[in-house]
Amino acid sequence: MSLTLYGGARSRATMVAWYLEEKGLPYHWQQLDMAAGEHRQEPFLSLNPFGKVPVLVDDAAVGVGGGRLQLFESGAILLYLGDRYGHEFANPEQRALAEQWVLFANATLSTALFVASNRDDEFPRLMVVLDRLLAAGSPLVGGAWGVADCAVEAHLAYLPVFFPQLDLSPYPHVADRIATTRERPAYLKVMT
């Protein structure tokens, strides 16, 4: 398998690296010097013209124009990996459920976390619902940990890192999921 993941420390690329490690998929990590702006210069801009990480290059797949597949956006990358290499989706319905959670994590949950004006109102409202949904302790989609769990758990695990002052005691199931996530060997390998 010839997967190359481009990213920087403390970027969403580590979420994709975590998924690859969890699934035991071989890949090459291409560390970019984000402080020096390497992601906003050629040759990286030929991979993602927006100058953002992560980018996944799959030399074994055909992309636009017949060349290798180049993907940007962590959610798109996770869904691709879950589909092509993780074999997570038995049908379109399972894929749609995974897409729902990946989009929730990358748009709704991320906005509630990282947009300061949303943190006071939107974040607690989401956490109440998410806490109830996580009470069962089971994977979000299907019977095994997958892309949906990776996207949501990565964002939740950001909480103690970026917002240590947040009180998570009203959300015990969220706090449990964060603790469990932060103990996973693959998570520890790439996220710490």
C-alpha atoms as a PDB file:
ATOM      1  CA  MET A   1       0.000   0.000   0.000  1.00  0.00           C
ATOM      2  CA  SER A   2       1.377   3.372  -0.868  1.00  0.00           C
ATOM      3  CA  LEU A   3      -0.327   5.948   1.318  1.00  0.00           C
ATOM      4  CA  THR A   4       1.369   9.214   2.209  1.00  0.00           C
ATOM      5  CA  LEU A   5      -0.167  11.477   4.828  1.00  0.00           C
ATOM      6  CA  TYR A   6       0.935  15.114   4.899  1.00  0.00           C
ATOM      7  CA  GLY A   7       0.444  17.105   8.059  1.00  0.00           C
ATOM      8  CA  GLY A   8       1.823  18.934  11.016  1.00  0.00           C
ATOM      9  CA  ALA A   9       1.874  18.432  14.743  1.00  0.00           C
ATOM     10  CA  ARG A  10      -1.405  19.297  16.480  1.00  0.00           C
ATOM     11  CA  SER A  11      -3.293  19.422  13.216  1.00  0.00           C
ATOM     12  CA  ARG A  12      -6.222  17.370  11.961  1.00  0.00           C
ATOM     13  CA  ALA A  13      -3.692  15.205  10.160  1.00  0.00           C
ATOM     14  CA  THR A  14      -3.052  13.438  13.448  1.00  0.00           C
ATOM     15  CA  MET A  15      -6.698  12.345  13.479  1.00  0.00           C
ATOM     16  CA  VAL A  16      -6.131  10.569  10.172  1.00  0.00           C
ATOM     17  CA  ALA A  17      -2.834   9.114  11.409  1.00  0.00           C
ATOM     18  CA  TRP A  18      -4.689   7.797  14.451  1.00  0.00           C
ATOM     19  CA  TYR A  19      -7.209   6.015  12.221  1.00  0.00           C
ATOM     20  CA  LEU A  20      -4.411   4.509  10.109  1.00  0.00           C
ATOM     21  CA  GLU A  21      -2.634   3.277  13.241  1.00  0.00           C
ATOM     22  CA  GLU A  22      -5.821   1.828  14.755  1.00  0.00           C
ATOM     23  CA  LYS A  23      -6.496  -0.120  11.596  1.00  0.00           C
ATOM     24  CA  GLY A  24      -2.873  -1.212  11.144  1.00  0.00           C
ATOM     25  CA  LEU A  25      -2.670   0.384   7.700  1.00  0.00           C
ATOM     26  CA  PRO A  26       0.865   1.154   6.527  1.00  0.00           C
ATOM     27  CA  TYR A  27       1.524   4.749   5.518  1.00  0.00           C
ATOM     28  CA  HIS A  28       4.291   7.279   5.213  1.00  0.00           C
ATOM     29  CA  TRP A  29       4.021  10.380   7.412  1.00  0.00           C
ATOM     30  CA  GLN A  30       5.248  13.545   5.717  1.00  0.00           C
ATOM     31  CA  GLN A  31       5.798  16.135   8.441  1.00  0.00           C
ATOM     32  CA  LEU A  32       5.425  19.701   7.201  1.00  0.00           C
ATOM     33  CA  ASP A  33       7.020  22.682   8.921  1.00  0.00           C
ATOM     34  CA  MET A  34       3.811  24.576   9.614  1.00  0.00           C
ATOM     35  CA  ALA A  35       5.580  27.416  11.432  1.00  0.00           C
ATOM     36  CA  ALA A  36       7.704  28.055   8.347  1.00  0.00           C
ATOM     37  CA  GLY A  37       4.591  27.981   6.142  1.00  0.00           C
ATOM     38  CA  GLU A  38       5.643  24.907   4.177  1.00  0.00           C
ATOM     39  CA  HIS A  39       1.957  24.066   3.724  1.00  0.00           C
ATOM     40  CA  ARG A  40       1.388  27.350   1.853  1.00  0.00           C
ATOM     41  CA  GLN A  41       4.158  26.858  -0.688  1.00  0.00           C
ATOM     42  CA  GLU A  42       4.921  24.585  -3.595  1.00  0.00           C
ATOM     43  CA  PRO A  43       5.178  21.669  -3.868  1.00  0.00           C
ATOM     44  CA  PHE A  44       2.480  21.240  -1.194  1.00  0.00           C
ATOM     45  CA  LEU A  45       0.069  23.612  -2.951  1.00  0.00           C
ATOM     46  CA  SER A  46      -0.020  21.174  -5.871  1.00  0.00           C
ATOM     47  CA  LEU A  47      -1.554  18.670  -3.425  1.00  0.00           C
ATOM     48  CA  ASN A  48      -3.981  21.098  -1.799  1.00  0.00           C
ATOM     49  CA  PRO A  49      -4.319  24.519  -3.418  1.00  0.00           C
ATOM     50  CA  PHE A  50      -5.915  25.831  -0.213  1.00  0.00           C
ATOM     51  CA  GLY A  51      -2.691  25.228   1.715  1.00  0.00           C
ATOM     52  CA  LYS A  52      -4.327  23.215   4.494  1.00  0.00           C
ATOM     53  CA  VAL A  53      -3.501  19.885   6.095  1.00  0.00           C
ATOM     54  CA  PRO A  54      -4.125  17.008   6.058  1.00  0.00           C
ATOM     55  CA  VAL A  55      -3.599  15.655   2.583  1.00  0.00           C
ATOM     56  CA  LEU A  56      -3.580  11.968   1.754  1.00  0.00           C
ATOM     57  CA  VAL A  57      -1.949  10.677  -1.413  1.00  0.00           C
ATOM     58  CA  ASP A  58      -2.822   7.144  -2.470  1.00  0.00           C
ATOM     59  CA  ASP A  59      -0.507   5.975  -5.240  1.00  0.00           C
ATOM     60  CA  ALA A  60      -2.573   2.782  -5.594  1.00  0.00           C
ATOM     61  CA  ALA A  61      -5.771   4.656  -6.518  1.00  0.00           C
ATOM     62  CA  VAL A  62      -6.669   6.695  -9.549  1.00  0.00           C
ATOM     63  CA  GLY A  63      -7.588  10.319  -9.056  1.00  0.00           C
ATOM     64  CA  VAL A  64      -8.834  13.078 -11.320  1.00  0.00           C
ATOM     65  CA  GLY A  65      -7.213  12.967 -14.745  1.00  0.00           C
ATOM     66  CA  GLY A  66      -5.935   9.443 -14.252  1.00  0.00           C
ATOM     67  CA  GLY A  67      -3.144  10.316 -11.826  1.00  0.00           C
ATOM     68  CA  ARG A  68      -2.790   9.239  -8.234  1.00  0.00           C
ATOM     69  CA  LEU A  69      -5.566  10.068  -5.798  1.00  0.00           C
ATOM     70  CA  GLN A  70      -4.954  13.201  -3.728  1.00  0.00           C
ATOM     71  CA  LEU A  71      -7.472  14.050  -1.015  1.00  0.00           C
ATOM     72  CA  PHE A  72      -7.720  16.953   1.373  1.00  0.00           C
ATOM     73  CA  GLU A  73     -10.116  17.479   4.318  1.00  0.00           C
ATOM     74  CA  SER A  74      -9.821  15.105   7.250  1.00  0.00           C
ATOM     75  CA  GLY A  75     -13.436  13.950   7.013  1.00  0.00           C
ATOM     76  CA  ALA A  76     -13.164  13.043   3.339  1.00  0.00           C
ATOM     77  CA  ILE A  77      -9.902  11.229   4.005  1.00  0.00           C
ATOM     78  CA  LEU A  78     -11.343   9.259   6.929  1.00  0.00           C
ATOM     79  CA  LEU A  79     -14.394   8.209   4.922  1.00  0.00           C
ATOM     80  CA  TYR A  80     -12.241   7.166   1.975  1.00  0.00           C
ATOM     81  CA  LEU A  81      -9.952   5.103   4.203  1.00  0.00           C
ATOM     82  CA  GLY A  82     -12.901   3.522   5.992  1.00  0.00           C
ATOM     83  CA  ASP A  83     -14.459   2.588   2.686  1.00  0.00           C
ATOM     84  CA  ARG A  84     -11.433   1.452   0.667  1.00  0.00           C
ATOM     85  CA  TYR A  85      -9.104  -0.002   3.284  1.00  0.00           C
ATOM     86  CA  GLY A  86     -11.134  -0.369   6.476  1.00  0.00           C
ATOM     87  CA  HIS A  87     -14.050  -2.091   4.719  1.00  0.00           C
ATOM     88  CA  GLU A  88     -16.392  -0.491   7.232  1.00  0.00           C
ATOM     89  CA  PHE A  89     -19.502  -0.034   5.132  1.00  0.00           C
ATOM     90  CA  ALA A  90     -21.652  -3.004   4.190  1.00  0.00           C
ATOM     91  CA  ASN A  91     -24.211  -0.765   2.504  1.00  0.00           C
ATOM     92  CA  PRO A  92     -24.967   2.870   1.640  1.00  0.00           C
ATOM     93  CA  GLU A  93     -26.926   3.272   4.855  1.00  0.00           C
ATOM     94  CA  GLN A  94     -23.898   2.432   7.019  1.00  0.00           C
ATOM     95  CA  ARG A  95     -21.776   4.836   5.014  1.00  0.00           C
ATOM     96  CA  ALA A  96     -24.412   7.558   5.414  1.00  0.00           C
ATOM     97  CA  LEU A  97     -24.444   7.047   9.186  1.00  0.00           C
ATOM     98  CA  ALA A  98     -20.649   7.323   9.299  1.00  0.00           C
ATOM     99  CA  GLU A  99     -20.790  10.446   7.101  1.00  0.00           C
ATOM    100  CA  GLN A 100     -23.348  11.928   9.483  1.00  0.00           C
ATOM    101  CA  TRP A 101     -20.967  11.552  12.451  1.00  0.00           C
ATOM    102  CA  VAL A 102     -17.863  12.709  10.579  1.00  0.00           C
ATOM    103  CA  LEU A 103     -19.699  15.806   9.358  1.00  0.00           C
ATOM    104  CA  PHE A 104     -21.094  16.404  12.837  1.00  0.00           C
ATOM    105  CA  ALA A 105     -17.588  16.245  14.329  1.00  0.00           C
ATOM    106  CA  ASN A 106     -15.892  18.409  11.707  1.00  0.00           C
ATOM    107  CA  ALA A 107     -18.627  21.027  11.355  1.00  0.00           C
ATOM    108  CA  THR A 108     -21.023  21.135  14.304  1.00  0.00           C
ATOM    109  CA  LEU A 109     -18.833  19.912  17.183  1.00  0.00           C
ATOM    110  CA  SER A 110     -15.720  21.689  15.937  1.00  0.00           C
ATOM    111  CA  THR A 111     -17.602  24.980  15.588  1.00  0.00           C
ATOM    112  CA  ALA A 112     -19.076  24.637  19.067  1.00  0.00           C
ATOM    113  CA  LEU A 113     -15.570  24.047  20.432  1.00  0.00           C
ATOM    114  CA  PHE A 114     -13.323  26.384  18.506  1.00  0.00           C
ATOM    115  CA  VAL A 115     -15.586  29.372  17.812  1.00  0.00           C
ATOM    116  CA  ALA A 116     -15.531  31.251  21.102  1.00  0.00           C
ATOM    117  CA  SER A 117     -18.978  32.815  20.627  1.00  0.00           C
ATOM    118  CA  ASN A 118     -20.507  29.314  20.375  1.00  0.00           C
ATOM    119  CA  ARG A 119     -18.787  27.821  23.388  1.00  0.00           C
ATOM    120  CA  ASP A 120     -21.146  29.210  26.033  1.00  0.00           C
ATOM    121  CA  ASP A 121     -24.454  28.191  24.446  1.00  0.00           C
ATOM    122  CA  GLU A 122     -23.961  25.646  21.679  1.00  0.00           C
ATOM    123  CA  PHE A 123     -21.261  23.557  23.326  1.00  0.00           C
ATOM    124  CA  PRO A 124     -23.245  22.666  26.498  1.00  0.00           C
ATOM    125  CA  ARG A 125     -26.346  21.882  24.445  1.00  0.00           C
ATOM    126  CA  LEU A 126     -24.389  19.484  22.225  1.00  0.00           C
ATOM    127  CA  MET A 127     -22.623  17.903  25.184  1.00  0.00           C
ATOM    128  CA  VAL A 128     -25.904  17.055  26.942  1.00  0.00           C
ATOM    129  CA  VAL A 129     -27.135  15.169  23.879  1.00  0.00           C
ATOM    130  CA  LEU A 130     -23.768  13.594  23.098  1.00  0.00           C
ATOM    131  CA  ASP A 131     -23.385  12.454  26.704  1.00  0.00           C
ATOM    132  CA  ARG A 132     -26.721  10.638  26.478  1.00  0.00           C
ATOM    133  CA  LEU A 133     -25.779   9.043  23.139  1.00  0.00           C
ATOM    134  CA  LEU A 134     -22.399   7.872  24.451  1.00  0.00           C
ATOM    135  CA  ALA A 135     -23.918   6.286  27.576  1.00  0.00           C
ATOM    136  CA  ALA A 136     -24.088   2.857  25.919  1.00  0.00           C
ATOM    137  CA  GLY A 137     -20.313   2.865  25.410  1.00  0.00           C
ATOM    138  CA  SER A 138     -20.656   1.218  22.011  1.00  0.00           C
ATOM    139  CA  PRO A 139     -19.259   2.349  18.647  1.00  0.00           C
ATOM    140  CA  LEU A 140     -21.266   5.085  16.954  1.00  0.00           C
ATOM    141  CA  VAL A 141     -21.795   3.074  13.745  1.00  0.00           C
ATOM    142  CA  GLY A 142     -21.732  -0.695  13.399  1.00  0.00           C
ATOM    143  CA  GLY A 143     -20.162  -3.144  15.778  1.00  0.00           C
ATOM    144  CA  ALA A 144     -16.546  -1.973  15.746  1.00  0.00           C
ATOM    145  CA  TRP A 145     -14.598   1.242  16.255  1.00  0.00           C
ATOM    146  CA  GLY A 146     -14.373   3.171  12.983  1.00  0.00           C
ATOM    147  CA  VAL A 147     -14.231   6.506  11.203  1.00  0.00           C
ATOM    148  CA  ALA A 148     -17.266   7.906  13.030  1.00  0.00           C
ATOM    149  CA  ASP A 149     -15.682   7.158  16.400  1.00  0.00           C
ATOM    150  CA  CYS A 150     -12.327   8.501  15.265  1.00  0.00           C
ATOM    151  CA  ALA A 151     -13.774  11.851  14.175  1.00  0.00           C
ATOM    152  CA  VAL A 152     -15.935  12.396  17.261  1.00  0.00           C
ATOM    153  CA  GLU A 153     -13.443  11.035  19.796  1.00  0.00           C
ATOM    154  CA  ALA A 154     -10.564  13.056  18.353  1.00  0.00           C
ATOM    155  CA  HIS A 155     -12.547  16.249  18.814  1.00  0.00           C
ATOM    156  CA  LEU A 156     -13.598  15.270  22.314  1.00  0.00           C
ATOM    157  CA  ALA A 157     -10.010  14.402  23.211  1.00  0.00           C
ATOM    158  CA  TYR A 158      -9.016  17.933  22.146  1.00  0.00           C
ATOM    159  CA  LEU A 159     -11.023  19.301  25.077  1.00  0.00           C
ATOM    160  CA  PRO A 160      -8.473  18.699  27.863  1.00  0.00           C
ATOM    161  CA  VAL A 161      -5.660  19.782  25.548  1.00  0.00           C
ATOM    162  CA  PHE A 162      -7.068  23.063  24.244  1.00  0.00           C
ATOM    163  CA  PHE A 163      -9.630  23.853  26.969  1.00  0.00           C
ATOM    164  CA  PRO A 164      -8.397  22.425  30.277  1.00  0.00           C
ATOM    165  CA  GLN A 165     -10.596  24.896  32.144  1.00  0.00           C
ATOM    166  CA  LEU A 166     -13.828  23.328  30.836  1.00  0.00           C
ATOM    167  CA  ASP A 167     -15.762  21.442  33.486  1.00  0.00           C
ATOM    168  CA  LEU A 168     -16.801  18.105  32.012  1.00  0.00           C
ATOM    169  CA  SER A 169     -18.336  16.726  35.208  1.00  0.00           C
ATOM    170  CA  PRO A 170     -21.891  17.329  33.922  1.00  0.00           C
ATOM    171  CA  TYR A 171     -21.057  14.983  31.033  1.00  0.00           C
ATOM    172  CA  PRO A 172     -19.715  11.780  32.638  1.00  0.00           C
ATOM    173  CA  HIS A 173     -20.068   9.633  29.505  1.00  0.00           C
ATOM    174  CA  VAL A 174     -18.198  12.199  27.415  1.00  0.00           C
ATOM    175  CA  ALA A 175     -15.490  12.310  30.097  1.00  0.00           C
ATOM    176  CA  ASP A 176     -15.312   8.493  30.104  1.00  0.00           C
ATOM    177  CA  ARG A 177     -14.995   8.384  26.311  1.00  0.00           C
ATOM    178  CA  ILE A 178     -12.200  10.967  26.457  1.00  0.00           C
ATOM    179  CA  ALA A 179     -10.344   8.952  29.107  1.00  0.00           C
ATOM    180  CA  THR A 180     -10.753   5.715  27.133  1.00  0.00           C
ATOM    181  CA  THR A 181      -9.617   7.406  23.931  1.00  0.00           C
ATOM    182  CA  ARG A 182      -6.537   8.873  25.569  1.00  0.00           C
ATOM    183  CA  GLU A 183      -5.497   5.376  26.718  1.00  0.00           C
ATOM    184  CA  ARG A 184      -5.665   3.722  23.292  1.00  0.00           C
ATOM    185  CA  PRO A 185      -2.147   2.701  22.148  1.00  0.00           C
ATOM    186  CA  ALA A 186      -2.657   3.993  18.591  1.00  0.00           C
ATOM    187  CA  TYR A 187      -3.926   7.311  19.923  1.00  0.00           C
ATOM    188  CA  LEU A 188      -0.935   7.624  22.232  1.00  0.00           C
ATOM    189  CA  LYS A 189       1.420   6.862  19.375  1.00  0.00           C
ATOM    190  CA  VAL A 190       0.282   9.711  17.152  1.00  0.00           C
ATOM    191  CA  MET A 191      -1.501  12.230  19.342  1.00  0.00           C
ATOM    192  CA  THR A 192       0.938  12.748  22.167  1.00  0.00           C
END
